[in-house]
C-alpha atoms as a PDB file:
ATOM      1  CA  MET A   1     195.287 185.087 135.903  1.00  0.00           C
ATOM      2  CA  ASP A   2     198.498 183.350 134.596  1.00  0.00           C
ATOM      3  CA  LYS A   3     199.449 186.640 133.175  1.00  0.00           C
ATOM      4  CA  LEU A   4     199.101 188.150 136.494  1.00  0.00           C
ATOM      5  CA  LYS A   5     200.772 185.718 138.407  1.00  0.00           C
ATOM      6  CA  SER A   6     203.788 185.943 136.118  1.00  0.00           C
ATOM      7  CA  VAL A   7     204.128 189.442 136.493  1.00  0.00           C
ATOM      8  CA  LEU A   8     203.743 189.478 140.369  1.00  0.00           C
ATOM      9  CA  SER A   9     206.413 186.506 140.457  1.00  0.00           C
ATOM     10  CA  GLY A  10     208.838 188.407 138.629  1.00  0.00           C
ATOM     11  CA  GLU A  11     208.995 186.177 135.628  1.00  0.00           C
ATOM     12  CA  GLU A  12     210.534 187.703 132.401  1.00  0.00           C
ATOM     13  CA  ALA A  13     208.063 189.404 130.200  1.00  0.00           C
ATOM     14  CA  PRO A  14     208.342 189.345 126.454  1.00  0.00           C
ATOM     15  CA  SER A  15     210.924 191.865 125.704  1.00  0.00           C
ATOM     16  CA  HIS A  16     208.872 193.728 123.203  1.00  0.00           C
ATOM     17  CA  LEU A  17     206.413 195.202 125.772  1.00  0.00           C
ATOM     18  CA  CYS A  18     207.111 198.104 127.814  1.00  0.00           C
ATOM     19  CA  PRO A  19     206.459 197.709 131.675  1.00  0.00           C
ATOM     20  CA  LEU A  20     202.954 199.243 131.624  1.00  0.00           C
ATOM     21  CA  GLN A  21     201.594 197.412 128.553  1.00  0.00           C
ATOM     22  CA  THR A  22     202.916 194.313 130.450  1.00  0.00           C
ATOM     23  CA  VAL A  23     200.665 195.298 133.626  1.00  0.00           C
ATOM     24  CA  ASN A  24     197.877 196.242 131.177  1.00  0.00           C
ATOM     25  CA  GLU A  25     198.103 192.587 129.632  1.00  0.00           C
ATOM     26  CA  ALA A  26     198.474 191.152 132.983  1.00  0.00           C
ATOM     27  CA  SER A  27     195.426 192.593 134.338  1.00  0.00           C
ATOM     28  CA  THR A  28     192.786 192.370 131.441  1.00  0.00           C
ATOM     29  CA  LEU A  29     189.298 191.361 132.362  1.00  0.00           C
ATOM     30  CA  GLY A  30     187.028 188.915 130.700  1.00  0.00           C
ATOM     31  CA  TRP A  31     184.295 190.595 128.572  1.00  0.00           C
ATOM     32  CA  GLY A  32     181.407 189.404 130.778  1.00  0.00           C
ATOM     33  CA  THR A  33     183.385 191.052 133.950  1.00  0.00           C
ATOM     34  CA  ARG A  34     183.990 194.089 132.026  1.00  0.00           C
ATOM     35  CA  VAL A  35     180.282 194.521 131.145  1.00  0.00           C
ATOM     36  CA  LYS A  36     179.392 193.818 134.835  1.00  0.00           C
ATOM     37  CA  GLY A  37     181.669 196.422 135.924  1.00  0.00           C
ATOM     38  CA  PHE A  38     180.410 199.025 133.368  1.00  0.00           C
ATOM     39  CA  VAL A  39     176.646 198.313 134.482  1.00  0.00           C
ATOM     40  CA  ALA A  40     177.420 198.586 138.195  1.00  0.00           C
ATOM     41  CA  CYS A  41     179.538 201.715 138.012  1.00  0.00           C
ATOM     42  CA  PHE A  42     176.816 203.356 135.613  1.00  0.00           C
ATOM     43  CA  VAL A  43     174.108 202.416 138.083  1.00  0.00           C
ATOM     44  CA  VAL A  44     176.044 203.672 141.067  1.00  0.00           C
ATOM     45  CA  GLY A  45     176.813 206.824 138.866  1.00  0.00           C
ATOM     46  CA  GLY A  46     172.911 207.373 138.241  1.00  0.00           C
ATOM     47  CA  VAL A  47     171.968 206.815 141.797  1.00  0.00           C
ATOM     48  CA  CYS A  48     174.366 209.280 143.351  1.00  0.00           C
ATOM     49  CA  THR A  49     172.995 211.744 140.549  1.00  0.00           C
ATOM     50  CA  LEU A  50     169.636 211.350 141.395  1.00  0.00           C
ATOM     51  CA  LEU A  51     170.665 211.278 145.057  1.00  0.00           C
ATOM     52  CA  GLY A  52     172.092 214.507 144.452  1.00  0.00           C
ATOM     53  CA  VAL A  53     169.147 216.199 142.750  1.00  0.00           C
ATOM     54  CA  CYS A  54     166.895 214.921 145.709  1.00  0.00           C
ATOM     55  CA  PHE A  55     169.324 216.549 148.440  1.00  0.00           C
ATOM     56  CA  LEU A  56     169.113 219.851 146.462  1.00  0.00           C
ATOM     57  CA  PHE A  57     165.694 220.526 148.194  1.00  0.00           C
ATOM     58  CA  LEU A  58     167.309 220.227 151.765  1.00  0.00           C
ATOM     59  CA  PRO A  59     167.628 223.463 153.663  1.00  0.00           C
ATOM     60  CA  ARG A  60     171.207 224.351 154.493  1.00  0.00           C
ATOM     61  CA  ILE A  61     173.309 221.334 153.609  1.00  0.00           C
ATOM     62  CA  GLY A  62     171.221 220.252 150.261  1.00  0.00           C
ATOM     63  CA  LEU A  63     173.496 222.472 147.914  1.00  0.00           C
ATOM     64  CA  THR A  64     176.717 221.093 149.314  1.00  0.00           C
ATOM     65  CA  LEU A  65     175.146 217.266 149.158  1.00  0.00           C
ATOM     66  CA  PHE A  66     174.047 217.903 145.442  1.00  0.00           C
ATOM     67  CA  ILE A  67     177.318 219.136 144.301  1.00  0.00           C
ATOM     68  CA  ILE A  68     179.266 216.209 145.849  1.00  0.00           C
ATOM     69  CA  PHE A  69     176.726 213.595 144.822  1.00  0.00           C
ATOM     70  CA  TYR A  70     176.123 214.860 141.184  1.00  0.00           C
ATOM     71  CA  THR A  71     179.880 215.172 140.582  1.00  0.00           C
ATOM     72  CA  PHE A  72     180.633 211.832 141.859  1.00  0.00           C
ATOM     73  CA  GLY A  73     177.663 210.434 140.002  1.00  0.00           C
ATOM     74  CA  ASN A  74     178.965 211.944 136.600  1.00  0.00           C
ATOM     75  CA  LEU A  75     182.557 210.839 137.203  1.00  0.00           C
ATOM     76  CA  CYS A  76     181.275 207.316 137.897  1.00  0.00           C
ATOM     77  CA  ALA A  77     179.454 207.455 134.707  1.00  0.00           C
ATOM     78  CA  LEU A  78     182.273 208.520 132.840  1.00  0.00           C
ATOM     79  CA  GLY A  79     184.661 206.055 134.495  1.00  0.00           C
ATOM     80  CA  SER A  80     182.373 203.245 133.686  1.00  0.00           C
ATOM     81  CA  THR A  81     183.271 203.335 130.095  1.00  0.00           C
ATOM     82  CA  MET A  82     186.842 202.448 131.238  1.00  0.00           C
ATOM     83  CA  PHE A  83     185.525 198.968 132.083  1.00  0.00           C
ATOM     84  CA  LEU A  84     184.369 198.629 128.400  1.00  0.00           C
ATOM     85  CA  MET A  85     187.730 199.861 126.619  1.00  0.00           C
ATOM     86  CA  GLY A  86     190.399 199.971 129.295  1.00  0.00           C
ATOM     87  CA  PRO A  87     191.778 202.880 131.173  1.00  0.00           C
ATOM     88  CA  LEU A  88     194.725 203.423 128.735  1.00  0.00           C
ATOM     89  CA  LYS A  89     192.809 203.599 125.622  1.00  0.00           C
ATOM     90  CA  GLN A  90     189.917 205.734 127.347  1.00  0.00           C
ATOM     91  CA  LEU A  91     192.353 208.205 128.331  1.00  0.00           C
ATOM     92  CA  LYS A  92     193.724 208.214 125.123  1.00  0.00           C
ATOM     93  CA  ARG A  93     190.482 209.025 123.543  1.00  0.00           C
ATOM     94  CA  MET A  94     189.391 211.552 125.952  1.00  0.00           C
ATOM     95  CA  CYS A  95     192.520 213.598 124.556  1.00  0.00           C
ATOM     96  CA  ASP A  96     191.417 212.877 120.864  1.00  0.00           C
ATOM     97  CA  LYS A  97     190.879 216.180 118.589  1.00  0.00           C
ATOM     98  CA  THR A  98     186.982 215.398 118.517  1.00  0.00           C
ATOM     99  CA  ARG A  99     186.571 215.110 122.273  1.00  0.00           C
ATOM    100  CA  ALA A 100     189.273 217.375 123.761  1.00  0.00           C
ATOM    101  CA  LEU A 101     187.417 220.401 124.321  1.00  0.00           C
ATOM    102  CA  ALA A 102     184.440 218.525 125.717  1.00  0.00           C
ATOM    103  CA  THR A 103     186.842 216.779 128.060  1.00  0.00           C
ATOM    104  CA  ALA A 104     188.375 220.186 129.195  1.00  0.00           C
ATOM    105  CA  ILE A 105     185.162 221.615 129.801  1.00  0.00           C
ATOM    106  CA  MET A 106     184.101 218.564 131.762  1.00  0.00           C
ATOM    107  CA  ILE A 107     187.049 218.818 133.949  1.00  0.00           C
ATOM    108  CA  VAL A 108     186.845 222.604 134.447  1.00  0.00           C
ATOM    109  CA  THR A 109     183.380 222.391 135.444  1.00  0.00           C
ATOM    110  CA  VAL A 110     183.710 219.640 137.925  1.00  0.00           C
ATOM    111  CA  LEU A 111     186.702 221.529 139.563  1.00  0.00           C
ATOM    112  CA  CYS A 112     184.687 224.677 139.615  1.00  0.00           C
ATOM    113  CA  PHE A 113     181.512 222.894 140.673  1.00  0.00           C
ATOM    114  CA  LEU A 114     183.200 221.729 143.767  1.00  0.00           C
ATOM    115  CA  GLN A 115     184.202 225.171 144.720  1.00  0.00           C
ATOM    116  CA  TRP A 116     181.053 227.239 144.483  1.00  0.00           C
ATOM    117  CA  LYS A 117     178.459 227.279 147.454  1.00  0.00           C
ATOM    118  CA  ASN A 118     176.485 230.102 145.360  1.00  0.00           C
ATOM    119  CA  PHE A 119     173.152 228.365 144.050  1.00  0.00           C
ATOM    120  CA  GLY A 120     173.095 230.307 140.766  1.00  0.00           C
ATOM    121  CA  LEU A 121     176.872 229.552 139.857  1.00  0.00           C
ATOM    122  CA  ALA A 122     176.351 225.838 140.951  1.00  0.00           C
ATOM    123  CA  LEU A 123     173.258 225.441 138.606  1.00  0.00           C
ATOM    124  CA  LEU A 124     175.271 226.895 135.833  1.00  0.00           C
ATOM    125  CA  PHE A 125     178.171 224.599 136.403  1.00  0.00           C
ATOM    126  CA  CYS A 126     175.843 221.733 136.459  1.00  0.00           C
ATOM    127  CA  ILE A 127     174.299 222.739 133.188  1.00  0.00           C
ATOM    128  CA  LEU A 128     177.568 222.982 131.564  1.00  0.00           C
ATOM    129  CA  GLN A 129     178.554 219.734 133.000  1.00  0.00           C
ATOM    130  CA  VAL A 130     175.619 218.103 131.544  1.00  0.00           C
ATOM    131  CA  LEU A 131     176.089 219.549 128.251  1.00  0.00           C
ATOM    132  CA  SER A 132     179.953 218.867 127.982  1.00  0.00           C
ATOM    133  CA  PHE A 133     179.349 215.207 129.160  1.00  0.00           C
ATOM    134  CA  THR A 134     176.420 214.820 126.244  1.00  0.00           C
ATOM    135  CA  TRP A 135     178.659 216.377 123.580  1.00  0.00           C
ATOM    136  CA  TYR A 136     181.437 213.923 124.981  1.00  0.00           C
ATOM    137  CA  SER A 137     179.258 211.111 124.755  1.00  0.00           C
ATOM    138  CA  LEU A 138     177.935 212.139 121.243  1.00  0.00           C
ATOM    139  CA  SER A 139     181.260 211.909 119.889  1.00  0.00           C
ATOM    140  CA  TYR A 140     181.368 208.182 119.925  1.00  0.00           C
ATOM    141  CA  ILE A 141     178.399 207.956 117.389  1.00  0.00           C
ATOM    142  CA  PRO A 142     179.477 209.097 113.899  1.00  0.00           C
ATOM    143  CA  PHE A 143     178.389 212.166 112.388  1.00  0.00           C
ATOM    144  CA  VAL A 144     175.409 212.851 115.280  1.00  0.00           C
ATOM    145  CA  ARG A 145     177.442 216.007 116.629  1.00  0.00           C
ATOM    146  CA  PHE A 146     177.671 217.329 113.061  1.00  0.00           C
ATOM    147  CA  VAL A 147     173.745 216.753 112.469  1.00  0.00           C
ATOM    148  CA  ILE A 148     172.956 218.389 115.848  1.00  0.00           C
ATOM    149  CA  SER A 149     175.525 221.340 115.055  1.00  0.00           C
ATOM    150  CA  ILE A 150     173.463 221.740 111.964  1.00  0.00           C
ATOM    151  CA  LEU A 151     170.156 221.618 113.646  1.00  0.00           C
ATOM    152  CA  CYS A 152     171.008 224.253 116.167  1.00  0.00           C
ATOM    153  CA  PHE A 153     172.294 226.544 113.521  1.00  0.00           C
ATOM    154  CA  ARG A 154     169.088 226.103 111.670  1.00  0.00           C
ATOM    155  CA  VAL A 155     166.926 226.643 114.901  1.00  0.00           C
ATOM    156  CA  SER A 156     169.120 229.761 115.817  1.00  0.00           C
ATOM    157  CA  SER A 157     168.541 231.297 112.286  1.00  0.00           C
ATOM    158  CA  ALA A 158     164.734 230.789 112.922  1.00  0.00           C
ATOM    159  CA  PHE A 159     164.788 232.485 116.043  1.00  0.00           C
ATOM    160  CA  GLN A 160     166.510 235.303 114.466  1.00  0.00           C
ATOM    161  CA  LEU A 161     163.951 235.432 111.646  1.00  0.00           C
ATOM    162  CA  LEU A 162     161.131 235.545 114.211  1.00  0.00           C
ATOM    163  CA  ALA A 163     162.898 238.412 116.189  1.00  0.00           C
ATOM    164  CA  VAL A 164     162.959 240.683 113.346  1.00  0.00           C
END
């Protein structure tokens, strides 16, 4: 809290820090607060996602409510990890070589998902959003994406042999 007061009062910050780092240093949260923020944001995301699925079965307005709540829920779940590692580090990690494709697909599907009112296309973007979010999440566990890629390749090879 003292760091935040010193930044807001205009006191001199150490000269080796850029302004963004100074603000980041001043607004750091304790570990307990970070975990509480993560859990709260993740729970809100899960509830919104479930509400979106429930709204899907309402006539007329159901698809629109599904798109809004489902997308908001996914964004909250993704944003919840910012509490654990901080927003700057999260954004840097989202653009890492191993996560850039999944991040791009997530962003594109969210933007496209919000535009479509056709049930089939909404379902397609929903599936793509789930797959990209899953692939992105798995990138934080070492070697899991490699193992899943090998399993998918072997399953597809088995189906090709059955088709012949």
